[in-house]
Protein backbone atom coordinates (compact mmCIF):
# COMPACT_ATOMS: atom_id res chain seq x y z
CA MET A 1 -102.04 3.51 -42.19
CA LYS A 2 -103.22 1.79 -39.27
CA VAL A 3 -106.21 0.44 -41.09
CA LYS A 4 -103.91 -1.20 -43.74
CA HIS A 5 -101.90 -2.79 -41.10
CA ARG A 6 -105.24 -4.37 -39.32
CA LEU A 7 -106.39 -5.61 -42.70
CA LEU A 8 -102.94 -6.89 -43.73
CA TYR A 9 -102.55 -9.35 -40.46
CA PRO A 10 -105.83 -11.38 -41.20
CA VAL A 11 -104.93 -11.68 -45.08
CA LEU A 12 -101.21 -12.68 -44.09
CA LEU A 13 -102.56 -15.11 -41.44
CA LEU A 14 -104.88 -16.76 -44.04
CA LEU A 15 -102.14 -16.93 -46.57
CA ILE A 16 -99.83 -18.66 -44.16
CA MET A 17 -102.84 -21.27 -43.16
CA ILE A 18 -103.33 -21.89 -46.79
CA LEU A 19 -99.81 -22.45 -47.78
CA SER A 20 -98.96 -24.59 -44.73
CA ILE A 21 -101.61 -27.37 -45.70
CA PRO A 22 -99.65 -30.53 -46.08
CA GLY A 23 -99.08 -31.96 -49.88
CA ILE A 24 -100.72 -35.23 -48.46
CA ALA A 25 -103.96 -33.33 -48.43
CA TYR A 26 -103.87 -32.98 -52.21
CA ALA A 27 -104.34 -36.46 -53.92
CA GLU A 28 -102.51 -37.54 -56.77
CA PHE A 29 -103.29 -39.12 -60.21
CA ASP A 30 -101.38 -42.04 -61.35
CA GLU A 31 -100.09 -42.87 -64.91
CA TYR A 32 -103.63 -43.56 -66.12
CA GLY A 33 -105.01 -40.47 -64.91
CA TYR A 34 -106.82 -42.46 -61.85
CA ASN A 35 -107.15 -40.58 -58.43
CA ALA A 36 -108.80 -43.15 -55.87
CA GLN A 37 -108.84 -40.83 -53.05
CA ALA A 38 -110.75 -38.21 -55.01
CA ARG A 39 -112.81 -40.69 -56.57
CA MET A 40 -112.05 -39.22 -60.04
CA PHE A 41 -110.31 -40.03 -63.54
CA ILE A 42 -108.99 -37.64 -66.06
CA GLY A 43 -107.29 -39.23 -69.08
CA THR A 44 -108.20 -40.85 -72.33
CA LEU A 45 -111.03 -43.60 -72.83
CA GLU A 46 -108.38 -46.01 -73.75
CA ASN A 47 -106.49 -45.51 -70.43
CA TRP A 48 -109.49 -45.87 -68.34
CA GLU A 49 -110.18 -49.38 -70.22
CA ALA A 50 -106.58 -50.26 -69.62
CA LEU A 51 -106.89 -49.31 -65.87
CA LEU A 52 -109.95 -51.70 -65.50
CA GLN A 53 -108.26 -54.46 -67.50
CA GLY A 54 -105.00 -54.23 -65.57
CA LEU A 55 -103.06 -53.31 -68.78
CA PRO A 56 -100.26 -50.70 -68.97
CA PRO A 57 -101.30 -47.09 -69.77
CA GLU A 58 -100.87 -45.66 -73.08
CA PRO A 59 -98.78 -42.24 -73.34
CA PHE A 60 -101.06 -39.61 -75.23
CA ASN A 61 -100.65 -35.97 -76.27
CA PRO A 62 -103.45 -33.98 -74.43
CA LYS A 63 -103.96 -31.91 -77.78
CA GLU A 64 -104.00 -34.75 -80.23
CA THR A 65 -107.13 -35.24 -82.57
CA ASP A 66 -109.45 -38.18 -82.72
CA ILE A 67 -108.67 -39.44 -79.42
CA VAL A 68 -111.55 -39.74 -76.81
CA PHE A 69 -110.79 -37.96 -73.31
CA VAL A 70 -112.67 -38.59 -70.39
CA GLU A 71 -113.28 -37.07 -67.01
CA ARG A 72 -115.18 -39.25 -64.66
CA LYS A 73 -116.26 -38.44 -61.04
CA TRP A 74 -118.23 -40.48 -58.73
CA ASN A 75 -119.60 -40.49 -54.89
CA LYS A 76 -118.25 -43.00 -52.37
CA LEU A 77 -121.59 -45.20 -52.83
CA PHE A 78 -120.58 -45.52 -56.49
CA ASP A 79 -117.03 -46.41 -55.39
CA PRO A 80 -117.42 -50.28 -55.62
CA MET A 81 -118.40 -50.30 -59.31
CA ILE A 82 -115.32 -49.27 -60.26
CA HIS A 83 -114.09 -52.57 -59.16
CA PHE A 84 -117.20 -54.23 -60.60
CA ASN A 85 -119.13 -54.64 -57.49
CA PRO A 86 -122.75 -53.23 -56.83
CA PRO A 87 -122.86 -49.84 -55.27
CA LEU A 88 -123.38 -49.35 -51.68
CA GLY A 89 -127.03 -47.99 -52.12
CA ALA A 90 -129.55 -45.76 -53.66
CA GLY A 91 -128.00 -42.40 -54.36
CA ALA A 92 -124.86 -43.84 -55.99
CA TRP A 93 -123.79 -41.55 -59.04
CA GLN A 94 -121.32 -41.05 -61.57
CA LYS A 95 -120.80 -38.14 -64.01
CA ALA A 96 -118.75 -38.37 -67.20
CA ARG A 97 -117.38 -35.67 -69.36
CA LEU A 98 -116.19 -36.89 -72.68
CA TRP A 99 -114.41 -34.68 -75.48
CA LYS A 100 -112.69 -35.24 -78.76
CA TYR A 101 -110.69 -32.74 -80.82
CA LEU A 102 -111.85 -33.67 -84.37
CA SER A 103 -109.81 -33.76 -87.49
CA GLY A 104 -110.19 -33.69 -91.29
CA ASP A 105 -113.15 -31.62 -92.47
CA GLN A 106 -114.07 -30.87 -88.85
CA LEU A 107 -110.52 -29.80 -87.72
CA GLY A 108 -111.00 -27.25 -85.04
CA TRP A 109 -114.10 -28.55 -83.89
CA THR A 110 -114.50 -30.33 -80.49
CA TRP A 111 -117.17 -32.97 -79.78
CA HIS A 112 -118.36 -33.02 -76.19
CA GLN A 113 -120.80 -35.24 -74.17
CA ASP A 114 -121.82 -35.14 -70.61
CA ILE A 115 -123.50 -37.92 -68.84
CA GLU A 116 -124.88 -38.38 -65.32
CA VAL A 117 -125.83 -41.73 -63.90
CA VAL A 118 -127.76 -42.53 -60.66
CA TYR A 119 -128.78 -45.52 -58.81
CA SER A 120 -132.22 -45.76 -57.59
CA PRO A 121 -133.02 -49.47 -57.45
CA ASP A 122 -136.49 -49.16 -55.56
CA HIS A 123 -137.88 -46.13 -57.09
CA PRO A 124 -137.87 -45.06 -60.91
CA ILE A 125 -136.61 -41.56 -61.37
CA PRO A 126 -139.43 -39.69 -63.37
CA GLY A 127 -138.16 -38.16 -66.65
CA ALA A 128 -134.85 -39.95 -66.47
CA PHE A 129 -134.40 -43.10 -68.70
CA GLU A 130 -133.64 -46.60 -67.03
CA ILE A 131 -130.24 -47.71 -68.50
CA PRO A 132 -130.49 -51.45 -69.36
CA GLN A 133 -129.27 -53.97 -66.82
CA GLU A 134 -126.58 -55.51 -69.40
CA ALA A 135 -124.93 -52.07 -69.60
CA MET A 136 -124.27 -51.65 -65.90
CA GLY A 137 -124.41 -55.19 -64.89
CA LEU A 138 -127.18 -54.24 -62.35
CA ALA A 139 -130.75 -52.75 -62.96
CA GLY A 140 -131.79 -49.77 -61.10
CA PHE A 141 -129.55 -47.12 -62.77
CA TYR A 142 -130.96 -44.11 -64.59
CA CYS A 143 -129.65 -41.52 -66.79
CA THR A 144 -130.44 -38.18 -65.42
CA VAL A 145 -128.38 -36.09 -67.87
CA GLN A 146 -127.07 -36.44 -71.35
CA LYS A 147 -125.92 -33.48 -73.27
CA GLU A 148 -124.05 -33.93 -76.61
CA TYR A 149 -122.59 -31.05 -78.68
CA LEU A 150 -120.05 -29.82 -80.95
CA GLN A 151 -117.94 -26.58 -80.43
CA GLY A 152 -116.21 -24.91 -83.01
CA PRO A 153 -113.18 -22.88 -83.29
CA ASN A 154 -114.89 -19.71 -82.83
CA ARG A 155 -116.85 -21.10 -79.75
CA GLN A 156 -120.06 -21.42 -81.81
CA LYS A 157 -122.11 -24.38 -80.51
CA THR A 158 -124.17 -26.87 -82.19
CA VAL A 159 -126.41 -29.00 -79.79
CA ILE A 160 -127.16 -32.59 -80.84
CA GLN A 161 -128.86 -33.45 -77.65
CA ASP A 162 -129.79 -31.80 -74.39
CA PHE A 163 -131.44 -33.92 -71.77
CA CYS A 164 -131.65 -33.14 -67.96
CA VAL A 165 -133.71 -34.05 -65.03
CA LYS A 166 -133.88 -31.61 -62.17
CA LYS A 167 -131.94 -32.55 -59.10
CA SER A 168 -134.88 -32.23 -56.78
CA VAL A 169 -136.90 -34.85 -58.90
CA VAL A 170 -133.86 -37.06 -58.53
CA ILE A 171 -133.43 -36.75 -54.87
CA LYS A 172 -137.12 -37.06 -54.17
CA ALA A 173 -137.25 -40.35 -56.27
CA ILE A 174 -134.23 -41.75 -54.51
CA ASN A 175 -135.73 -41.05 -51.08
CA GLY A 176 -139.08 -42.57 -52.18
CA LEU A 177 -141.03 -39.38 -52.10
CA GLU A 178 -142.29 -39.31 -55.79
């Protein structure tokens, strides 16, 4: 019985520590789905565009069909791009995951696309494709991941595109080692 008590105290102490973390430590999302502190957005493509244009957000049902949903995450170097300013340096990245619940003949299917973009202004990233300057407003951006697929109601998957550059290749290029 003493052995159980010895294990109980560290577990109880750990639980108290976790529960006592202030709520401020958890960043919050606004009505658009934007979380500036976490550098993240989870919402609709329409509300992402409304946020950038300063328009009010549109209400939506998260299970509704034919709406493009977006989950975006970026690092601190990429953060100025959210406000249409150049990134802070090489290695700035953004990941986006898009999905859409389909309707009509494809009811029950979901379209997915995953994209990762990395800024490497001084060194090309081998195997990645350069994004045109017009698309990003600045040269030196490379798409390192682009996956597109359909997922059916029984979890079946139809791959449309699956492109990925190894992280080690990206890191070497950013650091000028390739």
